[in-house]
Amino acid sequence: MTFQALPGFRDFAPEDLAFRNHILAAWRRVARRYGFEEYDGPPLEPLELYTAKSGEEIVGQLFDFTDKGGRHVTLRPEMTPTFARMVSARANGLRKPIRWFSVPQLFRYEKQQRGRLREHFQLNCDLVGEAGPLADAEVIALAIDVCRELGLTAADFRVRLSDRRVIQALLVGAGLDPAHHPAALGVVDKLERLDPEARDRAFAGAGLMDYIDAVVDMAVVRSWDQLEDLAERYRVDVSATELRQVHDALGEMGLYEFVEVDLSIVRGLAYYTGTVFELFDRQGKMRAICGGGRYDTLLQSLGGVDLPSVGFGMGDVVLGELLKDRGLRPAAAAGTEVMVAAVTAEDLPATLGLAHELRDAGLAAEYAMNGVALGKQLRQADARGARLAVVIGPDDRATGMVQVKDLHEKTQVAVARDAVVAHCTATLGTS
């Protein structure tokens, strides 16, 4: 029999794992620079934790089952409910604002496509206990700086910034009853992916055909002037104070070039209460890199703690695709730094001893275990990407010396046996 990974799941060979770790390391570096602390939770949670937040319809997207204790459980599809549960249980003892981040592996039973698999790793950053727009700007800046840390620039991606409060005020001004807002927002969330016929079917299915022009007019707002014109047309006083403050705060941070006002961004999840945003590649070829916003009532509904919150999630799949498209996937690091090579079988004990000393010094050292000729050992060093080869032969042992070959510079020097570890460490420290 032959086996392969399940559909939508990934194998990570060493070079692929190195790329994944490159992304995850950047996530952690930037989050910590912003004062965020890392947490984690169980990969298996009660199903009710997710149905309480998203409704029973989410079950079709989950890897859920009944465990041996008769509990209906699921692999976690997202981190926010776990975060809400953990913060709610500790809220009184935590300093505010709470700055937590996590890097979980998440699972959803979805149709796989480019940028979407059935498992992925995700950076989750949440700031709790601060209701002002500076908190919103803080997490957006963090998301931008993660992308910058990985080599992306304003030519590669943009933040599309919106506010659910502004959107709802405009919908009311257009005459749409608040009871129909969730359906309207659901259509807007998919609008860019729909052709005109599919768009009309979506509006008809939501019972919103009478409001199609008003909703579309709102969704195409891309500037403050357009927003003011639409508010004047509907004769409503749309306060976009918080949205402007978020935008201006990002500008003060020097990040204006990354940010665009875009009222087509609504975020499909109903728990968002204010600022919402998504990051997209500039060419518009991919799904969202990142998405998030303010959710001031979710902790109350899931954990009984009334604390304002803002956060985002950024997956590794779309981000990885974008980095590869932009030529920003780093070259795989060499698995071996130093190859210790024996000229004869009698040199093997000295080879073993030196290899272990190099490893104790923190260097990645390897040696041939099958007694092959020196030339083959050196070719193996090249194949493994080693920078140095330390050759030990009978004459070297007799004089207390070894030969150190720099395989990159094509040089060779004789080094005293008791100085070889320091020599290799110094050489590799400058590579």
Protein backbone atom coordinates (compact mmCIF):
# COMPACT_ATOMS: atom_id res chain seq x y z
CA MET A 1 0.00 0.00 0.00
CA THR A 2 1.02 3.60 -0.55
CA PHE A 3 -0.12 6.53 1.56
CA GLN A 4 -0.20 10.27 1.10
CA ALA A 5 -1.34 13.28 3.10
CA LEU A 6 -5.08 13.81 3.39
CA PRO A 7 -6.64 16.38 1.03
CA GLY A 8 -6.02 19.91 2.26
CA PHE A 9 -3.20 18.89 4.61
CA ARG A 10 0.52 19.49 4.08
CA ASP A 11 3.73 17.59 4.51
CA PHE A 12 6.65 19.78 5.55
CA ALA A 13 9.95 18.50 4.20
CA PRO A 14 12.98 20.26 5.75
CA GLU A 15 13.04 23.10 3.20
CA ASP A 16 9.27 23.63 3.57
CA LEU A 17 9.47 23.54 7.34
CA ALA A 18 12.30 26.07 7.23
CA PHE A 19 10.06 28.41 5.21
CA ARG A 20 7.18 27.94 7.64
CA ASN A 21 9.48 28.60 10.59
CA HIS A 22 10.79 31.72 8.81
CA ILE A 23 7.23 33.09 8.74
CA LEU A 24 6.38 32.04 12.29
CA ALA A 25 9.62 33.50 13.64
CA ALA A 26 8.81 36.87 12.03
CA TRP A 27 5.33 36.75 13.58
CA ARG A 28 6.80 36.19 17.03
CA ARG A 29 9.50 38.85 16.67
CA VAL A 30 7.10 41.60 15.67
CA ALA A 31 4.39 40.67 18.19
CA ARG A 32 6.95 40.78 20.99
CA ARG A 33 8.23 44.16 19.80
CA TYR A 34 4.69 45.44 20.35
CA GLY A 35 4.66 44.10 23.90
CA PHE A 36 2.42 41.11 23.18
CA GLU A 37 2.80 37.91 25.21
CA GLU A 38 2.40 34.47 23.67
CA TYR A 39 -0.24 32.00 24.84
CA ASP A 40 -1.70 28.75 23.56
CA GLY A 41 -4.67 26.51 24.21
CA PRO A 42 -5.83 22.98 23.46
CA PRO A 43 -6.26 21.91 19.81
CA LEU A 44 -9.43 20.05 20.83
CA GLU A 45 -12.35 22.01 22.27
CA PRO A 46 -16.06 21.43 23.06
CA LEU A 47 -18.18 21.94 19.95
CA GLU A 48 -20.44 24.32 21.87
CA LEU A 49 -17.61 26.83 22.17
CA TYR A 50 -17.95 27.50 18.42
CA THR A 51 -21.68 27.05 17.90
CA ALA A 52 -22.29 29.58 20.70
CA LYS A 53 -20.30 32.14 18.70
CA SER A 54 -21.09 31.26 15.09
CA GLY A 55 -24.31 29.21 15.16
CA GLU A 56 -25.03 25.61 14.24
CA GLU A 57 -24.20 26.22 10.57
CA ILE A 58 -20.48 26.22 11.40
CA VAL A 59 -20.62 22.49 12.20
CA GLY A 60 -20.41 21.63 8.49
CA GLN A 61 -16.98 23.31 8.38
CA LEU A 62 -15.51 21.47 11.37
CA PHE A 63 -13.60 18.28 12.11
CA ASP A 64 -16.01 17.31 14.88
CA PHE A 65 -16.70 13.97 16.54
CA THR A 66 -17.92 12.38 19.76
CA ASP A 67 -15.01 11.33 21.96
CA LYS A 68 -14.78 8.23 24.14
CA GLY A 69 -16.29 10.15 27.05
CA GLY A 70 -19.39 10.96 25.01
CA ARG A 71 -18.43 14.64 24.55
CA HIS A 72 -19.08 16.36 21.23
CA VAL A 73 -15.71 17.93 20.42
CA THR A 74 -13.90 19.49 17.47
CA LEU A 75 -10.44 20.41 16.30
CA ARG A 76 -10.21 24.17 16.75
CA PRO A 77 -11.18 26.09 13.59
CA GLU A 78 -10.15 29.45 15.05
CA MET A 79 -8.52 30.83 18.18
CA THR A 80 -10.83 33.64 19.28
CA PRO A 81 -13.25 31.49 21.34
CA THR A 82 -10.36 29.82 23.17
CA PHE A 83 -8.84 33.25 23.76
CA ALA A 84 -12.16 34.58 25.09
CA ARG A 85 -12.51 31.61 27.43
CA MET A 86 -8.97 31.97 28.78
CA VAL A 87 -9.11 35.75 29.24
CA SER A 88 -12.54 35.63 30.86
CA ALA A 89 -11.30 33.14 33.44
CA ARG A 90 -8.32 35.38 34.34
CA ALA A 91 -9.62 38.86 33.58
CA ASN A 92 -9.59 40.22 37.12
CA GLY A 93 -5.95 39.32 37.64
CA LEU A 94 -4.59 40.57 34.31
CA ARG A 95 -3.08 44.03 33.74
CA LYS A 96 -5.00 46.08 31.19
CA PRO A 97 -4.73 46.45 28.35
CA ILE A 98 -4.11 42.76 27.79
CA ARG A 99 -1.78 42.08 24.84
CA TRP A 100 -1.78 38.41 23.91
CA PHE A 101 -0.78 36.58 20.75
CA SER A 102 -0.74 32.96 19.65
CA VAL A 103 0.45 30.89 16.69
CA PRO A 104 -1.99 27.95 16.59
CA GLN A 105 -2.56 25.33 13.94
CA LEU A 106 -6.22 25.52 12.93
CA PHE A 107 -8.50 23.09 11.11
CA ARG A 108 -11.56 23.61 8.90
CA TYR A 109 -13.29 21.10 6.66
CA GLU A 110 -13.48 23.35 3.60
CA LYS A 111 -13.04 23.05 -0.13
CA GLN A 112 -9.33 23.50 -0.76
CA GLN A 113 -8.07 26.05 -3.25
CA ARG A 114 -5.10 28.35 -3.64
CA GLY A 115 -4.71 30.19 -0.37
CA ARG A 116 -7.13 27.96 1.54
CA LEU A 117 -6.42 24.51 2.94
CA ARG A 118 -8.00 22.37 5.63
CA GLU A 119 -5.25 23.22 8.07
CA HIS A 120 -3.06 26.23 8.48
CA PHE A 121 -0.99 28.12 11.01
CA GLN A 122 -2.23 31.53 12.06
CA LEU A 123 -0.96 34.54 13.94
CA ASN A 124 -3.67 35.79 16.32
CA CYS A 125 -3.10 39.11 18.09
CA ASP A 126 -5.68 40.57 20.46
CA LEU A 127 -5.64 43.73 22.56
CA VAL A 128 -8.22 43.76 25.34
CA GLY A 129 -9.32 46.45 27.75
CA GLU A 130 -8.83 49.53 25.57
CA ALA A 131 -11.80 50.99 23.67
CA GLY A 132 -10.08 53.85 21.87
CA PRO A 133 -9.06 54.07 18.21
CA LEU A 134 -5.36 53.95 19.11
CA ALA A 135 -5.83 50.31 20.08
CA ASP A 136 -7.27 49.65 16.62
CA ALA A 137 -4.33 51.44 15.00
CA GLU A 138 -1.91 49.48 17.18
CA VAL A 139 -3.02 46.05 15.97
CA ILE A 140 -3.24 47.21 12.34
CA ALA A 141 0.30 48.59 12.58
CA LEU A 142 1.42 45.24 14.00
CA ALA A 143 -0.09 43.41 11.02
CA ILE A 144 1.61 45.81 8.60
CA ASP A 145 4.95 45.44 10.34
CA VAL A 146 4.76 41.64 10.17
CA CYS A 147 4.56 41.91 6.39
CA ARG A 148 7.36 44.47 6.32
CA GLU A 149 9.49 42.19 8.50
CA LEU A 150 9.19 39.53 5.81
CA GLY A 151 10.34 41.91 3.07
CA LEU A 152 7.00 43.06 1.65
CA THR A 153 6.49 46.74 0.85
CA ALA A 154 3.61 49.08 0.10
CA ALA A 155 3.98 48.03 -3.54
CA ASP A 156 3.09 44.48 -2.51
CA PHE A 157 0.11 44.84 -0.16
CA ARG A 158 -2.42 47.29 1.27
CA VAL A 159 -4.68 47.58 4.29
CA ARG A 160 -8.32 48.13 3.37
CA LEU A 161 -9.83 49.99 6.33
CA SER A 162 -13.51 50.35 7.23
CA ASP A 163 -15.89 50.69 10.17
CA ARG A 164 -19.09 48.76 10.82
CA ARG A 165 -20.62 51.79 12.63
CA VAL A 166 -20.19 53.99 9.55
CA ILE A 167 -21.57 51.29 7.25
CA GLN A 168 -24.65 50.74 9.40
CA ALA A 169 -25.33 54.47 9.60
CA LEU A 170 -25.25 54.70 5.81
CA LEU A 171 -27.57 51.70 5.45
CA VAL A 172 -30.05 53.31 7.84
CA GLY A 173 -29.79 56.52 5.82
CA ALA A 174 -30.60 54.53 2.70
CA GLY A 175 -33.79 53.31 4.38
CA LEU A 176 -32.68 49.78 5.19
CA ASP A 177 -34.17 48.42 8.39
CA PRO A 178 -31.46 47.35 10.91
CA ALA A 179 -33.02 43.88 10.96
CA HIS A 180 -31.83 43.47 7.35
CA HIS A 181 -28.29 44.75 7.97
CA PRO A 182 -26.73 41.30 8.57
CA ALA A 183 -28.06 40.08 5.21
CA ALA A 184 -26.81 43.23 3.46
CA LEU A 185 -23.38 42.91 5.05
CA GLY A 186 -23.25 39.27 4.04
CA VAL A 187 -23.78 40.23 0.40
CA VAL A 188 -21.25 43.09 0.57
CA ASP A 189 -18.67 40.70 2.03
CA LYS A 190 -18.89 38.60 -1.16
CA LEU A 191 -19.53 41.44 -3.63
CA GLU A 192 -16.08 41.57 -5.24
CA ARG A 193 -16.21 37.88 -6.08
CA LEU A 194 -19.62 38.07 -7.81
CA ASP A 195 -20.36 38.85 -11.44
CA PRO A 196 -23.42 41.08 -12.09
CA GLU A 197 -25.83 38.15 -12.45
CA ALA A 198 -24.58 36.43 -9.32
CA ARG A 199 -24.72 39.75 -7.49
CA ASP A 200 -28.38 40.25 -8.42
CA ARG A 201 -29.20 36.70 -7.34
CA ALA A 202 -27.50 37.33 -4.00
CA PHE A 203 -29.49 40.52 -3.40
CA ALA A 204 -32.71 38.80 -4.46
CA GLY A 205 -31.99 35.86 -2.18
CA ALA A 206 -31.50 38.25 0.72
CA GLY A 207 -34.70 40.14 -0.10
CA LEU A 208 -32.75 43.32 -0.82
CA MET A 209 -33.44 44.04 -4.51
CA ASP A 210 -35.04 47.39 -3.62
CA TYR A 211 -31.80 48.45 -1.95
CA ILE A 212 -29.25 47.13 -4.42
CA ASP A 213 -28.17 50.57 -5.65
CA ALA A 214 -27.85 51.99 -2.14
CA VAL A 215 -25.81 49.05 -0.88
CA VAL A 216 -23.52 49.08 -3.93
CA ASP A 217 -23.06 52.87 -3.63
CA MET A 218 -21.93 52.36 -0.05
CA ALA A 219 -19.62 49.47 -0.96
CA VAL A 220 -17.70 51.48 -3.59
CA VAL A 221 -16.69 54.28 -1.18
CA ARG A 222 -12.90 54.62 -1.31
CA SER A 223 -12.24 58.13 0.02
CA TRP A 224 -13.35 60.62 2.66
CA ASP A 225 -14.90 62.84 -0.04
CA GLN A 226 -17.02 59.94 -1.34
CA LEU A 227 -18.10 59.15 2.18
CA GLU A 228 -19.16 62.75 2.85
CA ASP A 229 -21.03 62.95 -0.48
CA LEU A 230 -22.96 59.76 0.27
CA ALA A 231 -23.84 60.92 3.79
CA GLU A 232 -25.11 64.21 2.37
CA ARG A 233 -27.17 62.39 -0.26
CA TYR A 234 -28.83 60.25 2.43
CA ARG A 235 -29.18 63.28 4.74
CA VAL A 236 -27.55 61.45 7.63
CA ASP A 237 -24.92 62.63 10.07
CA VAL A 238 -22.34 59.87 9.70
CA SER A 239 -19.73 60.22 12.40
CA ALA A 240 -16.52 58.71 11.07
CA THR A 241 -14.46 60.20 13.87
CA GLU A 242 -13.05 56.90 15.10
CA LEU A 243 -12.27 55.73 11.56
CA ARG A 244 -10.43 58.97 10.81
CA GLN A 245 -8.52 58.73 14.08
CA VAL A 246 -7.37 55.20 13.26
CA HIS A 247 -6.31 56.33 9.78
CA ASP A 248 -4.48 59.39 11.12
CA ALA A 249 -2.72 57.41 13.86
CA LEU A 250 -1.33 55.03 11.25
CA GLY A 251 -0.16 58.06 9.31
CA GLU A 252 1.66 59.39 12.36
CA MET A 253 3.44 56.04 12.53
CA GLY A 254 4.64 56.56 8.96
CA LEU A 255 2.29 53.94 7.52
CA TYR A 256 -0.07 56.06 5.37
CA GLU A 257 1.16 54.45 2.15
CA PHE A 258 -0.14 51.06 3.30
CA VAL A 259 -3.69 52.15 4.21
CA GLU A 260 -6.81 52.86 2.13
CA VAL A 261 -10.36 53.63 3.24
CA ASP A 262 -12.65 50.99 1.72
CA LEU A 263 -16.25 50.52 2.86
CA SER A 264 -16.59 47.24 0.97
CA ILE A 265 -14.71 45.68 3.89
CA VAL A 266 -17.34 44.57 6.38
CA ARG A 267 -15.96 41.24 7.69
CA GLY A 268 -18.61 38.55 7.48
CA LEU A 269 -18.64 37.66 11.17
CA ALA A 270 -21.47 39.31 13.07
CA TYR A 271 -19.52 39.97 16.25
CA TYR A 272 -17.52 42.91 14.85
CA THR A 273 -18.68 46.21 16.34
CA GLY A 274 -16.43 48.97 14.95
CA THR A 275 -13.21 49.22 12.97
CA VAL A 276 -12.68 46.36 10.52
CA PHE A 277 -9.79 45.79 8.14
CA GLU A 278 -8.23 43.31 5.74
CA LEU A 279 -4.81 43.09 4.09
CA PHE A 280 -4.64 42.19 0.39
CA ASP A 281 -1.91 41.87 -2.20
CA ARG A 282 -1.80 44.92 -4.47
CA GLN A 283 -2.43 42.86 -7.61
CA GLY A 284 -5.63 41.43 -6.19
CA LYS A 285 -4.74 37.89 -7.18
CA MET A 286 -5.13 36.27 -3.78
CA ARG A 287 -7.46 35.92 -0.87
CA ALA A 288 -7.03 38.22 2.14
CA ILE A 289 -3.66 37.94 3.86
CA CYS A 290 -5.11 39.04 7.17
CA GLY A 291 -8.37 40.26 8.65
CA GLY A 292 -9.68 41.60 11.91
CA GLY A 293 -11.32 44.42 13.77
CA ARG A 294 -13.01 45.55 16.94
CA TYR A 295 -15.30 43.13 18.79
CA ASP A 296 -16.45 44.81 21.99
CA THR A 297 -19.24 42.38 22.94
CA LEU A 298 -17.72 38.96 22.19
CA LEU A 299 -15.99 38.40 25.53
CA GLN A 300 -19.25 39.20 27.27
CA SER A 301 -21.19 36.69 25.18
CA LEU A 302 -18.62 33.88 25.44
CA GLY A 303 -17.13 34.44 28.87
CA GLY A 304 -19.31 36.91 30.77
CA VAL A 305 -16.58 39.57 30.95
CA ASP A 306 -17.38 43.03 29.61
CA LEU A 307 -14.10 44.21 28.07
CA PRO A 308 -13.58 46.03 24.76
CA SER A 309 -11.36 44.09 22.37
CA VAL A 310 -9.68 44.36 18.99
CA GLY A 311 -7.62 41.80 17.14
CA PHE A 312 -6.76 40.02 13.91
CA GLY A 313 -5.78 36.69 12.41
CA MET A 314 -3.12 36.19 9.72
CA GLY A 315 -2.69 32.78 8.11
CA ASP A 316 0.51 31.30 6.75
CA VAL A 317 -0.96 29.95 3.49
CA VAL A 318 -1.79 33.15 1.58
CA LEU A 319 1.17 34.96 3.11
CA GLY A 320 3.48 32.15 2.02
CA GLU A 321 2.10 32.26 -1.53
CA LEU A 322 2.68 36.01 -1.69
CA LEU A 323 6.24 35.72 -0.41
CA LYS A 324 7.00 33.08 -3.04
CA ASP A 325 5.43 35.20 -5.79
CA ARG A 326 7.61 38.15 -4.76
CA GLY A 327 10.79 36.06 -4.63
CA LEU A 328 10.98 36.43 -0.84
CA ARG A 329 11.20 32.79 0.08
CA PRO A 330 14.64 32.54 1.74
CA ALA A 331 17.17 30.00 0.58
CA ALA A 332 17.14 26.90 2.73
CA ALA A 333 19.81 27.01 5.41
CA ALA A 334 22.51 24.39 5.27
CA GLY A 335 21.81 21.39 7.44
CA THR A 336 25.52 20.99 8.19
CA GLU A 337 28.08 23.70 8.91
CA VAL A 338 31.20 21.58 9.37
CA MET A 339 32.05 18.23 7.80
CA VAL A 340 34.74 16.36 9.72
CA ALA A 341 36.53 14.06 7.29
CA ALA A 342 38.87 11.16 8.05
CA VAL A 343 41.65 10.27 5.61
CA THR A 344 42.01 6.68 6.86
CA ALA A 345 40.05 4.30 9.04
CA GLU A 346 42.58 4.92 11.84
CA ASP A 347 41.56 8.59 11.87
CA LEU A 348 37.92 7.83 12.71
CA PRO A 349 38.26 8.02 16.53
CA ALA A 350 39.78 11.50 16.24
CA THR A 351 36.96 12.43 13.84
CA LEU A 352 34.30 11.33 16.32
CA GLY A 353 35.91 13.28 19.15
CA LEU A 354 36.23 16.49 17.14
CA ALA A 355 32.70 16.27 15.75
CA HIS A 356 31.33 16.04 19.27
CA GLU A 357 33.41 19.01 20.43
CA LEU A 358 32.06 21.08 17.55
CA ARG A 359 28.50 20.11 18.45
CA ASP A 360 29.11 21.01 22.10
CA ALA A 361 30.18 24.44 20.83
CA GLY A 362 26.82 24.84 19.08
CA LEU A 363 27.93 24.07 15.52
CA ALA A 364 26.17 21.64 13.18
CA ALA A 365 28.80 19.00 12.52
CA GLU A 366 28.66 15.77 10.53
CA TYR A 367 31.04 12.98 9.55
CA ALA A 368 30.91 10.02 7.19
CA MET A 369 29.82 6.84 8.92
CA ASN A 370 30.66 4.35 6.19
CA GLY A 371 34.42 4.66 5.67
CA VAL A 372 34.25 6.18 2.17
CA ALA A 373 37.19 7.84 0.43
CA LEU A 374 38.13 11.42 1.30
CA GLY A 375 36.96 12.77 -2.08
CA LYS A 376 33.49 11.35 -1.53
CA GLN A 377 33.38 12.84 1.97
CA LEU A 378 34.17 16.28 0.55
CA ARG A 379 31.49 15.89 -2.13
CA GLN A 380 29.07 14.96 0.64
CA ALA A 381 30.08 18.16 2.46
CA ASP A 382 29.21 20.18 -0.66
CA ALA A 383 25.89 18.37 -1.05
CA ARG A 384 24.99 19.13 2.59
CA GLY A 385 25.82 22.81 2.13
CA ALA A 386 28.69 22.76 4.64
CA ARG A 387 30.85 25.86 4.76
CA LEU A 388 33.88 24.10 6.28
CA ALA A 389 35.51 20.69 6.01
CA VAL A 390 37.99 19.66 8.71
CA VAL A 391 40.29 16.93 7.40
CA ILE A 392 42.13 14.66 9.84
CA GLY A 393 44.87 12.34 8.56
CA PRO A 394 47.75 10.36 10.07
CA ASP A 395 50.31 13.13 9.53
CA ASP A 396 47.95 15.71 11.07
CA ARG A 397 47.42 13.59 14.17
CA ALA A 398 51.16 13.11 14.51
CA THR A 399 51.80 16.90 14.49
CA GLY A 400 48.68 17.93 16.46
CA MET A 401 47.23 19.80 13.48
CA VAL A 402 44.20 19.53 11.22
CA GLN A 403 43.44 20.91 7.75
CA VAL A 404 40.45 23.27 7.54
CA LYS A 405 39.00 23.77 4.06
CA ASP A 406 36.69 26.72 3.43
CA LEU A 407 34.44 25.24 0.75
CA HIS A 408 32.95 28.61 -0.16
CA GLU A 409 36.20 30.56 -0.42
CA LYS A 410 38.16 27.59 -1.84
CA THR A 411 40.96 28.04 0.71
CA GLN A 412 42.74 25.72 3.12
CA VAL A 413 44.71 26.40 6.32
CA ALA A 414 46.44 24.22 8.91
CA VAL A 415 45.03 24.77 12.40
CA ALA A 416 46.23 23.42 15.72
CA ARG A 417 43.96 20.63 16.97
CA ASP A 418 43.18 22.43 20.22
CA ALA A 419 42.26 25.63 18.32
CA VAL A 420 40.05 24.16 15.62
CA VAL A 421 36.74 24.66 17.46
CA ALA A 422 37.49 28.35 18.03
CA HIS A 423 38.64 28.73 14.42
CA CYS A 424 35.46 27.17 13.03
CA THR A 425 33.26 29.21 15.36
CA ALA A 426 34.95 32.45 14.34
CA THR A 427 34.78 31.64 10.63
CA LEU A 428 31.13 30.66 10.70
CA GLY A 429 30.29 33.67 12.82
CA THR A 430 31.33 35.92 9.95
CA SER A 431 29.61 33.94 7.19
